[in-house]
Amino acid sequence: MGRLIGQWLSERLGQQFVIENRPGAASNIGAEMVVNAPPDGYTFLVATFVNAVNASLYSKLNFNFIRDIAPVASIAREPFAIEVHPSVPVKTVPEFITYAKANPGKINMASAGVGSGNHIAGELFKMMTGVNLVHVPYRGAGPALVDLLGGQVQVMFASMSSSIAYVRAGKLRALAVTIATRSPVLPDLPTVAEFVPGYEFSFWTGIGAPRTTPAEIVDKLNTEINAALADPKMRARLRQAHRRRDRKVGQGGEVRGRQSGLIRQSRQIFHNVSFREWPVPSLIPVAPGY
């Protein structure tokens, strides 16, 4: 998605945007490079949910993501869904909570790894409902989903783009979506918040800049990126890129580190990172067959 946005900006602004991959340390290497870059409008960060949660996973970062990165614009926000194996005898969130409380420590919750979106979404649910689910981290979302389909684990807070086909095929049972409003992809599926007031989670992606980048540069980029997201052809290309990216989730480095206080701190981070309100519609498409 970052490359598509870079191409759009190059064409619109007449200035070449070069995408430079800086992998490693769960994206902290790339983030620190941008934090330390001159705030001249020539260096930006493709930021995600992972950057925010790293603030509580890692105790010795050389930067503060919330303080040191200025929000520019949002690109995508993807909802997750609570999905269970069909062998789990529940069909609603209240039934799942009751079942989990009756079987404490016996329900395995899969994730793409410690600190992943699946993990945080599940831990937030555990904290707000008081259920005891056993976290089982995998080396990526793909293996976690495979074991959920096979019944080796019972529940996963799964990204909708990677799992919706299995829900539609009846191989998984979706109980609710994690965003604040129902998804147009599965309009009959309730939100978690309909049963657990205040619950909300999504995986976001956006563009950030060094904190003292001039406001006029940030405003210009914000305007142009929002124009890209309003363009039907660009939205279609971003959706396709989003689906390809989701299939590769977790194949790079995993987020690992200190877990103490992870969820409480991360929850506050989620609420604090408004990222310039980032009021962009979800990139999850509503086309038949997706």
Protein backbone atom coordinates (compact mmCIF):
# COMPACT_ATOMS: atom_id res chain seq x y z
CA MET A 1 0.00 0.00 0.00
CA GLY A 2 2.85 2.36 0.78
CA ARG A 3 4.23 1.96 -2.74
CA LEU A 4 0.88 2.77 -4.31
CA ILE A 5 0.52 5.89 -2.19
CA GLY A 6 4.09 6.87 -3.06
CA GLN A 7 3.36 6.48 -6.76
CA TRP A 8 0.22 8.59 -6.42
CA LEU A 9 2.08 11.35 -4.60
CA SER A 10 4.89 11.31 -7.18
CA GLU A 11 2.40 11.85 -9.98
CA ARG A 12 0.38 14.48 -8.15
CA LEU A 13 3.22 16.51 -6.71
CA GLY A 14 5.87 16.07 -9.38
CA GLN A 15 8.35 14.88 -6.75
CA GLN A 16 9.73 11.37 -6.74
CA PHE A 17 8.74 9.34 -3.65
CA VAL A 18 11.10 6.41 -3.03
CA ILE A 19 9.97 3.54 -0.80
CA GLU A 20 12.86 2.31 1.35
CA ASN A 21 12.39 -0.88 3.35
CA ARG A 22 14.02 -0.80 6.78
CA PRO A 23 12.98 -4.11 8.36
CA GLY A 24 14.00 -5.38 11.77
CA ALA A 25 13.13 -5.15 15.46
CA ALA A 26 9.40 -5.33 14.75
CA SER A 27 9.54 -2.13 12.64
CA ASN A 28 11.42 -0.14 15.31
CA ILE A 29 14.48 0.33 13.07
CA GLY A 30 12.48 2.03 10.35
CA ALA A 31 10.51 4.11 12.82
CA GLU A 32 13.66 5.35 14.55
CA MET A 33 15.18 6.33 11.23
CA VAL A 34 12.18 8.55 10.49
CA VAL A 35 12.16 9.99 14.00
CA ASN A 36 15.78 11.07 13.55
CA ALA A 37 15.35 12.35 9.97
CA PRO A 38 15.32 16.09 9.26
CA PRO A 39 11.72 17.40 9.44
CA ASP A 40 11.94 18.81 5.92
CA GLY A 41 9.14 16.91 4.23
CA TYR A 42 11.46 14.42 2.52
CA THR A 43 11.10 11.50 4.93
CA PHE A 44 7.87 9.79 6.01
CA LEU A 45 6.90 6.58 7.79
CA VAL A 46 4.35 3.98 6.75
CA ALA A 47 3.10 3.38 10.29
CA THR A 48 0.84 0.67 11.63
CA PHE A 49 -0.79 -0.55 14.81
CA VAL A 50 2.49 -2.37 15.53
CA ASN A 51 4.35 0.92 15.99
CA ALA A 52 1.91 1.96 18.69
CA VAL A 53 1.95 -1.30 20.59
CA ASN A 54 5.75 -1.46 20.50
CA ALA A 55 5.80 1.41 22.98
CA SER A 56 4.63 -1.03 25.65
CA LEU A 57 6.39 -4.14 24.35
CA TYR A 58 9.86 -2.61 24.39
CA SER A 59 11.24 -0.87 27.47
CA LYS A 60 14.38 0.66 25.94
CA LEU A 61 13.34 2.34 22.70
CA ASN A 62 15.31 5.43 21.72
CA PHE A 63 12.15 7.27 20.74
CA ASN A 64 8.52 7.77 21.73
CA PHE A 65 6.24 6.95 18.82
CA ILE A 66 3.33 9.03 20.10
CA ARG A 67 5.53 12.04 20.79
CA ASP A 68 8.01 11.83 17.94
CA ILE A 69 5.86 10.95 14.92
CA ALA A 70 3.39 13.50 13.57
CA PRO A 71 0.23 11.98 12.05
CA VAL A 72 -0.22 12.78 8.36
CA ALA A 73 -3.05 10.60 7.05
CA SER A 74 -4.72 7.22 7.35
CA ILE A 75 -4.61 4.59 4.63
CA ALA A 76 -6.61 1.70 6.05
CA ARG A 77 -8.34 0.32 9.08
CA GLU A 78 -9.14 -3.36 9.04
CA PRO A 79 -11.67 -4.94 11.38
CA PHE A 80 -11.14 -8.28 13.03
CA ALA A 81 -13.81 -10.82 13.95
CA ILE A 82 -14.17 -13.24 16.84
CA GLU A 83 -14.15 -16.61 15.10
CA VAL A 84 -14.51 -20.04 16.65
CA HIS A 85 -14.14 -23.57 15.37
CA PRO A 86 -17.57 -25.11 14.64
CA SER A 87 -17.02 -27.62 17.47
CA VAL A 88 -17.29 -24.80 20.03
CA PRO A 89 -20.96 -24.87 21.16
CA VAL A 90 -21.65 -21.13 20.93
CA LYS A 91 -23.21 -18.84 18.35
CA THR A 92 -23.14 -15.44 20.06
CA VAL A 93 -20.75 -13.35 22.11
CA PRO A 94 -22.82 -13.74 25.33
CA GLU A 95 -22.86 -17.50 24.82
CA PHE A 96 -19.10 -17.49 24.28
CA ILE A 97 -18.49 -15.47 27.45
CA THR A 98 -20.69 -17.85 29.45
CA TYR A 99 -18.96 -20.88 27.94
CA ALA A 100 -15.49 -19.44 28.58
CA LYS A 101 -16.31 -18.63 32.20
CA ALA A 102 -17.59 -22.17 32.67
CA ASN A 103 -14.34 -23.52 31.21
CA PRO A 104 -11.57 -21.25 32.52
CA GLY A 105 -8.15 -21.98 31.07
CA LYS A 106 -9.51 -24.62 28.70
CA ILE A 107 -10.11 -22.51 25.58
CA ASN A 108 -7.07 -21.83 23.40
CA MET A 109 -6.85 -18.47 21.63
CA ALA A 110 -4.60 -18.37 18.58
CA SER A 111 -2.63 -15.34 17.41
CA ALA A 112 0.06 -14.42 14.89
CA GLY A 113 2.49 -13.87 17.74
CA VAL A 114 3.05 -11.89 20.91
CA GLY A 115 1.93 -8.31 20.39
CA SER A 116 0.13 -9.05 17.11
CA GLY A 117 -3.27 -7.59 16.36
CA ASN A 118 -4.94 -10.93 17.10
CA HIS A 119 -3.21 -11.04 20.46
CA ILE A 120 -4.09 -7.50 21.51
CA ALA A 121 -7.70 -7.80 20.35
CA GLY A 122 -8.06 -11.00 22.36
CA GLU A 123 -6.37 -9.65 25.46
CA LEU A 124 -8.57 -6.57 25.38
CA PHE A 125 -11.61 -8.85 25.22
CA LYS A 126 -10.29 -10.91 28.12
CA MET A 127 -9.69 -7.80 30.20
CA MET A 128 -13.14 -6.36 29.55
CA THR A 129 -15.11 -9.59 30.06
CA GLY A 130 -13.08 -11.39 32.73
CA VAL A 131 -12.75 -14.61 30.73
CA ASN A 132 -9.66 -16.82 30.97
CA LEU A 133 -8.50 -17.77 27.48
CA VAL A 134 -5.11 -19.40 26.94
CA HIS A 135 -3.03 -17.42 24.46
CA VAL A 136 -1.26 -19.60 21.88
CA PRO A 137 1.16 -17.49 19.79
CA TYR A 138 2.16 -18.76 16.35
CA ARG A 139 4.83 -17.69 13.90
CA GLY A 140 2.37 -15.76 11.78
CA ALA A 141 -1.35 -15.52 11.14
CA GLY A 142 -1.32 -18.25 8.50
CA PRO A 143 -0.32 -21.13 10.79
CA ALA A 144 -2.66 -19.83 13.50
CA LEU A 145 -5.58 -19.86 11.08
CA VAL A 146 -4.68 -23.37 9.88
CA ASP A 147 -4.84 -24.71 13.43
CA LEU A 148 -8.12 -22.89 14.08
CA LEU A 149 -9.58 -24.57 10.99
CA GLY A 150 -8.27 -27.91 12.24
CA GLY A 151 -9.69 -27.47 15.73
CA GLN A 152 -6.31 -27.52 17.49
CA VAL A 153 -7.28 -24.12 18.92
CA GLN A 154 -10.80 -22.95 19.57
CA VAL A 155 -10.92 -19.20 18.96
CA MET A 156 -9.08 -16.47 17.13
CA PHE A 157 -9.61 -12.75 16.73
CA ALA A 158 -8.91 -12.98 13.00
CA SER A 159 -8.58 -10.33 10.31
CA MET A 160 -11.66 -10.42 8.14
CA SER A 161 -9.73 -10.28 4.87
CA SER A 162 -7.87 -13.50 5.66
CA SER A 163 -10.75 -15.46 7.14
CA ILE A 164 -14.03 -14.36 5.62
CA ALA A 165 -13.98 -17.07 2.96
CA TYR A 166 -13.85 -19.73 5.68
CA VAL A 167 -16.73 -18.07 7.53
CA ARG A 168 -18.85 -18.05 4.38
CA ALA A 169 -17.97 -21.69 3.71
CA GLY A 170 -19.06 -22.68 7.22
CA LYS A 171 -15.58 -23.82 8.20
CA LEU A 172 -15.42 -21.14 10.91
CA ARG A 173 -18.18 -19.45 12.91
CA ALA A 174 -17.98 -15.69 13.29
CA LEU A 175 -19.53 -14.28 16.46
CA ALA A 176 -18.94 -10.55 16.08
CA VAL A 177 -16.75 -7.88 14.47
CA THR A 178 -14.35 -5.85 16.58
CA ILE A 179 -15.08 -2.39 15.13
CA ALA A 180 -17.67 0.04 16.49
CA THR A 181 -20.16 -0.41 13.65
CA ARG A 182 -21.28 -3.45 11.69
CA SER A 183 -19.30 -4.32 8.60
CA PRO A 184 -20.97 -4.05 5.17
CA VAL A 185 -19.19 -7.28 4.26
CA LEU A 186 -21.19 -9.23 6.87
CA PRO A 187 -24.01 -6.83 7.81
CA ASP A 188 -25.88 -9.39 9.92
CA LEU A 189 -22.87 -9.96 12.14
CA PRO A 190 -23.10 -7.86 15.34
CA THR A 191 -20.29 -5.87 16.87
CA VAL A 192 -18.58 -6.97 20.06
CA ALA A 193 -19.59 -3.62 21.55
CA GLU A 194 -23.26 -4.56 21.29
CA PHE A 195 -22.57 -7.00 24.12
CA VAL A 196 -19.38 -5.57 25.66
CA PRO A 197 -19.87 -1.78 25.79
CA GLY A 198 -16.76 0.18 24.89
CA TYR A 199 -14.95 -2.64 23.12
CA GLU A 200 -13.37 -1.62 19.81
CA PHE A 201 -10.31 -2.78 17.89
CA SER A 202 -8.97 -2.44 14.35
CA PHE A 203 -5.60 -2.75 12.64
CA TRP A 204 -4.68 0.62 11.15
CA THR A 205 -2.10 1.71 8.60
CA GLY A 206 -1.15 5.30 7.89
CA ILE A 207 1.55 7.82 7.08
CA GLY A 208 3.55 9.70 9.71
CA ALA A 209 6.36 12.27 9.65
CA PRO A 210 9.04 13.59 12.02
CA ARG A 211 7.22 15.55 14.72
CA THR A 212 8.43 19.04 13.77
CA THR A 213 7.63 18.70 10.08
CA PRO A 214 6.05 22.03 9.00
CA ALA A 215 2.25 22.06 9.20
CA GLU A 216 1.89 23.16 5.59
CA ILE A 217 3.75 20.04 4.41
CA VAL A 218 1.65 17.77 6.62
CA ASP A 219 -1.55 19.46 5.42
CA LYS A 220 -0.55 19.08 1.77
CA LEU A 221 0.25 15.40 2.15
CA ASN A 222 -2.95 14.83 4.11
CA THR A 223 -5.00 16.42 1.32
CA GLU A 224 -3.31 14.44 -1.44
CA ILE A 225 -3.54 11.09 0.37
CA ASN A 226 -7.21 11.61 1.13
CA ALA A 227 -7.69 12.42 -2.56
CA ALA A 228 -6.06 9.09 -3.42
CA LEU A 229 -8.41 7.25 -1.07
CA ALA A 230 -11.40 8.98 -2.66
CA ASP A 231 -10.34 7.89 -6.16
CA PRO A 232 -12.24 4.70 -7.18
CA LYS A 233 -9.35 3.26 -9.22
CA MET A 234 -6.84 3.89 -6.45
CA ARG A 235 -9.18 2.40 -3.84
CA ALA A 236 -9.49 -0.74 -5.95
CA ARG A 237 -5.70 -1.04 -6.24
CA LEU A 238 -5.27 -0.47 -2.51
CA ARG A 239 -7.84 -3.13 -1.73
CA GLN A 240 -5.99 -5.63 -3.89
CA ALA A 241 -2.67 -4.73 -2.27
CA HIS A 242 -4.28 -5.03 1.15
CA ARG A 243 -5.48 -8.57 0.41
CA ARG A 244 -2.03 -9.62 -0.81
CA ARG A 245 -0.41 -8.09 2.28
CA ASP A 246 -2.78 -9.84 4.63
CA ARG A 247 -1.89 -13.23 3.22
CA LYS A 248 1.73 -12.51 4.18
CA VAL A 249 1.08 -11.35 7.72
CA GLY A 250 3.59 -12.74 10.16
CA GLN A 251 6.07 -14.04 7.58
CA GLY A 252 8.54 -11.35 8.61
CA GLY A 253 9.91 -10.72 12.08
CA GLU A 254 7.65 -11.25 15.04
CA VAL A 255 6.95 -8.73 17.76
CA ARG A 256 8.56 -9.97 20.93
CA GLY A 257 9.50 -8.39 24.21
CA ARG A 258 8.24 -7.34 27.60
CA GLN A 259 4.55 -8.14 28.21
CA SER A 260 4.15 -6.59 31.65
CA GLY A 261 1.36 -4.05 31.52
CA LEU A 262 1.03 -4.61 27.76
CA ILE A 263 -2.70 -4.47 27.37
CA ARG A 264 -3.52 -1.59 29.67
CA GLN A 265 -0.78 0.57 28.20
CA SER A 266 -1.60 -0.38 24.63
CA ARG A 267 -5.27 0.36 25.09
CA GLN A 268 -4.40 3.89 26.17
CA ILE A 269 -2.10 4.21 23.15
CA PHE A 270 -4.90 3.15 20.81
CA HIS A 271 -7.15 5.90 22.14
CA ASN A 272 -4.39 8.50 22.09
CA VAL A 273 -3.21 7.89 18.54
CA SER A 274 -5.90 9.81 16.70
CA PHE A 275 -3.52 10.23 13.77
CA ARG A 276 -5.12 13.39 12.51
CA GLU A 277 -8.49 11.75 13.09
CA TRP A 278 -7.58 9.44 10.17
CA PRO A 279 -11.28 9.47 9.12
CA VAL A 280 -10.87 7.08 6.21
CA PRO A 281 -13.38 4.34 5.34
CA SER A 282 -12.23 0.77 5.81
CA LEU A 283 -10.48 -0.74 2.81
CA ILE A 284 -12.31 -4.01 3.26
CA PRO A 285 -14.27 -4.28 0.01
CA VAL A 286 -17.89 -5.30 -0.31
CA ALA A 287 -17.57 -6.91 -3.74
CA PRO A 288 -19.26 -10.32 -4.11
CA GLY A 289 -16.96 -13.25 -3.58
CA TYR A 290 -14.56 -11.51 -1.21
